[in-house]
Structure formats: structure tokens, C-alpha cells
Amino acid sequence: ADQMEALTAARETARRALQLWIKTQFDPGNGSDCGLTLGYAARDLASDRAAAVPCLLEIFDHGLTRSTGLWSHADRPAPTKGQWVLPLMSSVDPPTALRLYRVVAKKSPPGSEERIRAELEVAKLGGDEPLPNLVEFLAQAAGADSPGRRTLMLEIAGVLAERDYVAAGSAVRGLAGTLPATNTVIPVYVAQLSRDTRQLQQLARTSGSASIAVHALLRIGRRDLVAQLAADPKNAFANVARDSLR
């Protein structure tokens, strides 16, 4: 049975959020509406998760071919593919999104950018198995000069740091060597993954890197050093450390 019936029976705000969000996927130039953003759509759908998740699963499997009530373009057929719904699923139901991203990664060609992007999402959602592959990709691609590839590498480095995957230290250091000196984020990741707490404390006192360096110290369990930064009257960014301790 069409799972959209369940969502129709749920709160109208959830249905409207999904319908408007779908519109942004296919008409991104139509302006903005609070219900059109991923954050608002996820919030409204999460309020009716029991109805929303089956609906999103149906879209993932069949596109909008079985959910035609959500498709507002009479001049073109409803999309038959639904992988684009995964970012929304990640916000509404992370465990289900993790399972689906694993499926996408497994079906994607080994070494392809599609597979790397799916594995990156798996890592964001807590999966451990793609971490070595992400490190390998980062190490091999460190010299890439394509803006899109560079953005992907920076995102991978951020996730590896967020997961505190120490084995990624060398690859992230290699990436740092290809970036402009104005980059204030990657040096924090390098210091974190190499457990260079002295450098992290210095970066926590520096404009542009104070907040992320403080969070890196907390990530590796050095709350004591953050407390010192918060109490130091000579630290111009002591408020950043104080706020993080709250």
C-alpha cells in the first residue's frame, strides 16, 4: 500500500514540510520558505517519525512514482530515483539513514567518488568500516587541484577529526601541506590527531581557530587544558573556552 496514506493521516505540517522540501530538490531557484529548508523539514517530519520514515523509505526505493501527491509538476514525470532523500532521512532517522548509505556505498563502484561520498555519510552517522578507505582516499588525493575534490577532501578531514580517527593523522598532515597558510581549520585537525596539546592550546588562543581548537581539546579528553584556557586572564579568547565548558 502507498505509504503516503500514513503521512497524509499525520500532521499536515509534516506533509507540507516534505512537499516543499521536495520542491527545492527540483526547483532550487524558486526562492526560500522556512519550510523549504532541510532543517525545518527534518524538524517537522521528526514530529511524525512513525509516519514519515515509511514514506521516506518508499521515496528512496521508488522515487515519487508511488507518492504522486508530493509531485507538483504536471509537465514532467515524477522522478523514479530517490537517493536524494537521504540527507533528510539522516536528520529524521539516523539509524535508518546509516543502513541506506551502507547500501549505496556497497552498490557503488569501488574507488569511485560516489562510493567515497556514501562512505563519508556512513562515517558521519557513526559507522567505522569506511574510515580506512576515507584515509586512503585522502592520502591519494592530497594533490588534487579541482575545487570540488578539494572541498570533498576538507569534508573528509573534518569527519575524521570529529571521529578522532588517529590513524588519519599522516593523511590530514599531507592535505595541510597543499593548502594556503590562511587555512585555520586543518592545522587544528593535524594537532588533534597527533595529540599535540601544546599546539592546540596555542591555536585556542588564535583568531580563526580558537573555537575549533577548544573543541578538539575536549574531543581528546583534555577538559583540564580547556579549563586553564578559560581561567587565563591573558587569553583573549577565554570566553570561547568558558562557553564550551558549559
Protein backbone atom coordinates (compact mmCIF):
# COMPACT_ATOMS: atom_id res chain seq x y z
CA ALA A 1 0.00 0.00 0.00
CA ASP A 2 1.07 3.54 -0.67
CA GLN A 3 2.94 4.65 2.45
CA MET A 4 1.91 8.23 1.73
CA GLU A 5 -1.51 7.42 3.22
CA ALA A 6 0.17 7.18 6.61
CA LEU A 7 1.81 10.55 6.20
CA THR A 8 -1.44 12.09 4.98
CA ALA A 9 -3.06 10.97 8.21
CA ALA A 10 -0.28 12.58 10.23
CA ARG A 11 0.06 16.28 10.94
CA GLU A 12 -0.37 18.45 7.87
CA THR A 13 2.75 20.40 8.81
CA ALA A 14 4.87 17.28 8.29
CA ARG A 15 3.36 16.60 4.88
CA ARG A 16 3.78 20.22 3.83
CA ALA A 17 7.40 20.22 5.01
CA LEU A 18 8.17 17.18 2.87
CA GLN A 19 6.33 18.51 -0.16
CA LEU A 20 8.06 21.87 -0.03
CA TRP A 21 11.46 20.30 0.58
CA ILE A 22 10.97 18.06 -2.48
CA LYS A 23 10.21 21.19 -4.45
CA THR A 24 13.61 22.62 -3.57
CA GLN A 25 15.32 19.48 -4.90
CA PHE A 26 13.90 20.07 -8.37
CA ASP A 27 13.30 23.85 -8.38
CA PRO A 28 16.23 25.23 -6.35
CA GLY A 29 15.87 28.74 -7.79
CA ASN A 30 12.37 29.45 -6.57
CA GLY A 31 13.31 31.45 -3.50
CA SER A 32 13.06 30.43 0.12
CA ASP A 33 10.43 29.50 2.65
CA CYS A 34 11.11 28.38 6.20
CA GLY A 35 9.51 25.03 5.39
CA LEU A 36 11.74 24.56 2.37
CA THR A 37 15.00 24.16 4.25
CA LEU A 38 16.38 20.81 5.29
CA GLY A 39 16.46 21.83 8.95
CA TYR A 40 12.81 22.85 9.10
CA ALA A 41 11.65 19.86 7.05
CA ALA A 42 13.55 17.48 9.32
CA ARG A 43 12.10 19.12 12.42
CA ASP A 44 8.52 18.85 11.20
CA LEU A 45 8.91 15.31 9.88
CA ALA A 46 10.60 14.14 13.06
CA SER A 47 7.46 15.10 14.94
CA ASP A 48 5.68 12.34 12.98
CA ARG A 49 8.58 9.94 12.57
CA ALA A 50 6.40 6.81 12.61
CA ALA A 51 4.58 8.03 9.51
CA ALA A 52 7.47 9.87 7.87
CA VAL A 53 10.06 7.10 7.86
CA PRO A 54 7.99 4.62 5.79
CA CYS A 55 7.22 7.43 3.38
CA LEU A 56 10.89 8.36 3.01
CA LEU A 57 11.79 4.70 2.54
CA GLU A 58 9.25 4.44 -0.25
CA ILE A 59 10.71 7.51 -1.94
CA PHE A 60 14.21 6.04 -1.61
CA ASP A 61 13.06 2.80 -3.28
CA HIS A 62 10.67 4.16 -5.92
CA GLY A 63 11.28 7.88 -6.25
CA LEU A 64 7.94 9.67 -6.34
CA THR A 65 6.25 7.19 -8.67
CA ARG A 66 4.13 5.89 -5.77
CA SER A 67 3.84 9.22 -4.00
CA THR A 68 2.43 11.34 -6.80
CA GLY A 69 0.63 13.60 -4.37
CA LEU A 70 4.01 15.10 -3.49
CA TRP A 71 4.91 15.86 -7.11
CA SER A 72 3.59 19.22 -8.33
CA HIS A 73 4.96 19.28 -11.91
CA ALA A 74 2.31 18.16 -14.38
CA ASP A 75 4.66 18.96 -17.27
CA ARG A 76 7.19 16.23 -16.40
CA PRO A 77 7.12 12.74 -14.97
CA ALA A 78 7.77 12.12 -11.30
CA PRO A 79 11.37 11.10 -10.53
CA THR A 80 11.94 7.36 -10.44
CA LYS A 81 15.03 7.51 -8.22
CA GLY A 82 15.01 8.65 -4.61
CA GLN A 83 18.56 8.65 -3.28
CA TRP A 84 18.27 12.42 -2.91
CA VAL A 85 16.01 11.84 0.13
CA LEU A 86 18.91 10.50 2.22
CA PRO A 87 20.04 13.84 3.75
CA LEU A 88 16.54 14.29 5.09
CA MET A 89 16.47 10.72 6.40
CA SER A 90 19.77 11.39 8.19
CA SER A 91 18.06 14.09 10.23
CA VAL A 92 14.75 12.30 10.78
CA ASP A 93 16.03 8.78 11.49
CA PRO A 94 19.84 8.42 11.61
CA PRO A 95 19.92 4.60 12.12
CA THR A 96 17.80 4.06 9.01
CA ALA A 97 19.91 6.54 7.05
CA LEU A 98 23.06 4.70 8.14
CA ARG A 99 21.66 1.43 6.80
CA LEU A 100 20.69 3.04 3.49
CA TYR A 101 24.01 4.80 2.99
CA ARG A 102 25.73 1.45 3.55
CA VAL A 103 23.59 0.02 0.77
CA VAL A 104 24.51 2.90 -1.55
CA ALA A 105 28.22 2.51 -0.74
CA LYS A 106 28.14 -1.22 -1.38
CA LYS A 107 26.42 -0.77 -4.76
CA SER A 108 28.79 1.99 -5.91
CA PRO A 109 31.94 1.13 -7.90
CA PRO A 110 35.00 0.65 -5.64
CA GLY A 111 37.16 3.76 -5.60
CA SER A 112 34.52 5.94 -7.22
CA GLU A 113 33.67 9.36 -5.86
CA GLU A 114 30.08 8.20 -5.45
CA ARG A 115 31.25 5.44 -3.12
CA ILE A 116 33.53 7.77 -1.18
CA ARG A 117 30.69 10.24 -0.65
CA ALA A 118 28.39 7.46 0.59
CA GLU A 119 31.12 6.14 2.91
CA LEU A 120 31.64 9.67 4.20
CA GLU A 121 27.98 9.79 5.21
CA VAL A 122 28.31 6.38 6.87
CA ALA A 123 31.23 7.75 8.90
CA LYS A 124 29.23 10.86 9.85
CA LEU A 125 26.47 8.62 11.16
CA GLY A 126 28.84 6.58 13.31
CA GLY A 127 29.88 3.73 11.04
CA ASP A 128 33.51 2.64 11.48
CA GLU A 129 34.09 0.39 8.49
CA PRO A 130 34.73 3.16 5.89
CA LEU A 131 37.30 5.07 7.96
CA PRO A 132 40.37 3.32 6.46
CA ASN A 133 39.01 3.88 2.93
CA LEU A 134 38.49 7.57 3.64
CA VAL A 135 42.06 7.88 4.90
CA GLU A 136 43.36 6.12 1.79
CA PHE A 137 41.36 8.42 -0.47
CA LEU A 138 42.60 11.48 1.39
CA ALA A 139 46.22 10.34 1.09
CA GLN A 140 45.95 9.64 -2.64
CA ALA A 141 44.02 12.77 -3.50
CA ALA A 142 46.00 15.29 -1.47
CA GLY A 143 47.45 16.85 -4.61
CA ALA A 144 44.12 17.33 -6.40
CA ASP A 145 43.50 20.90 -7.57
CA SER A 146 39.83 20.55 -8.53
CA PRO A 147 37.71 22.81 -6.29
CA GLY A 148 35.09 20.10 -5.93
CA ARG A 149 37.67 17.48 -4.99
CA ARG A 150 39.35 19.87 -2.57
CA THR A 151 36.02 20.56 -0.86
CA LEU A 152 35.42 16.82 -0.55
CA MET A 153 38.85 16.28 0.99
CA LEU A 154 38.29 19.04 3.52
CA GLU A 155 34.96 17.49 4.47
CA ILE A 156 36.59 14.08 4.87
CA ALA A 157 39.32 15.58 7.08
CA GLY A 158 36.65 17.20 9.23
CA VAL A 159 34.77 13.94 9.73
CA LEU A 160 37.97 12.02 10.51
CA ALA A 161 38.80 14.64 13.14
CA GLU A 162 35.26 14.58 14.52
CA ARG A 163 35.57 10.80 14.85
CA ASP A 164 39.07 11.34 16.32
CA TYR A 165 40.50 8.71 13.98
CA VAL A 166 44.18 8.98 14.93
CA ALA A 167 45.27 6.76 12.02
CA ALA A 168 44.31 9.62 9.70
CA GLY A 169 46.98 11.95 11.10
CA SER A 170 49.51 11.48 8.31
CA ALA A 171 46.95 11.89 5.53
CA VAL A 172 45.50 15.05 7.10
CA ARG A 173 49.02 16.42 7.53
CA GLY A 174 49.64 15.78 3.84
CA LEU A 175 46.47 17.68 2.97
CA ALA A 176 47.59 20.59 5.15
CA GLY A 177 50.72 20.89 3.03
CA THR A 178 48.63 21.62 -0.07
CA LEU A 179 46.52 24.38 1.48
CA PRO A 180 47.10 28.11 1.79
CA ALA A 181 48.59 29.36 5.05
CA THR A 182 45.32 31.19 5.67
CA ASN A 183 43.51 27.91 6.37
CA THR A 184 42.88 27.89 10.13
CA VAL A 185 40.99 24.60 10.42
CA ILE A 186 43.23 21.83 9.08
CA PRO A 187 46.17 22.74 11.41
CA VAL A 188 43.80 22.08 14.33
CA TYR A 189 42.94 18.66 12.95
CA VAL A 190 46.64 17.86 12.48
CA ALA A 191 47.43 18.87 16.06
CA GLN A 192 44.47 16.93 17.42
CA LEU A 193 45.22 13.70 15.59
CA SER A 194 48.89 13.87 16.56
CA ARG A 195 47.94 14.71 20.17
CA ASP A 196 49.99 17.90 20.08
CA THR A 197 48.26 19.57 23.01
CA ARG A 198 50.79 22.40 23.14
CA GLN A 199 49.87 23.39 19.58
CA LEU A 200 46.17 23.02 20.31
CA GLN A 201 46.47 25.37 23.25
CA GLN A 202 48.24 27.90 21.04
CA LEU A 203 45.58 27.59 18.35
CA ALA A 204 42.91 28.01 21.04
CA ARG A 205 44.37 31.48 21.65
CA THR A 206 44.37 32.41 17.98
CA SER A 207 41.73 34.22 15.94
CA GLY A 208 40.01 31.95 13.45
CA SER A 209 40.90 28.71 15.18
CA ALA A 210 40.05 29.29 18.85
CA SER A 211 36.64 27.61 18.86
CA ILE A 212 37.58 24.55 16.84
CA ALA A 213 40.81 24.08 18.83
CA VAL A 214 38.92 24.19 22.11
CA HIS A 215 36.51 21.56 20.83
CA ALA A 216 39.45 19.45 19.65
CA LEU A 217 40.86 19.51 23.17
CA LEU A 218 37.51 18.42 24.57
CA ARG A 219 37.27 15.71 21.92
CA ILE A 220 40.53 14.14 23.10
CA GLY A 221 39.54 14.37 26.75
CA ARG A 222 41.65 17.38 27.80
CA ARG A 223 38.98 19.32 29.64
CA ASP A 224 41.64 20.30 32.15
CA LEU A 225 43.52 22.29 29.50
CA VAL A 226 40.32 23.97 28.37
CA ALA A 227 39.67 24.98 31.98
CA GLN A 228 43.14 26.54 32.10
CA LEU A 229 42.41 28.47 28.91
CA ALA A 230 39.11 29.64 30.37
CA ALA A 231 40.75 30.89 33.57
CA ASP A 232 43.74 32.62 31.93
CA PRO A 233 43.23 36.43 32.04
CA LYS A 234 45.84 36.81 29.29
CA ASN A 235 43.84 34.65 26.89
CA ALA A 236 41.91 36.93 24.53
CA PHE A 237 39.61 34.02 23.70
CA ALA A 238 38.98 32.80 27.25
CA ASN A 239 35.25 33.31 26.71
CA VAL A 240 35.31 30.66 23.96
CA ALA A 241 36.76 28.15 26.38
CA ARG A 242 34.33 29.17 29.14
CA ASP A 243 31.35 28.78 26.83
CA SER A 244 32.49 25.33 25.73
CA LEU A 245 32.71 24.14 29.33
CA ARG A 246 29.05 24.97 29.85
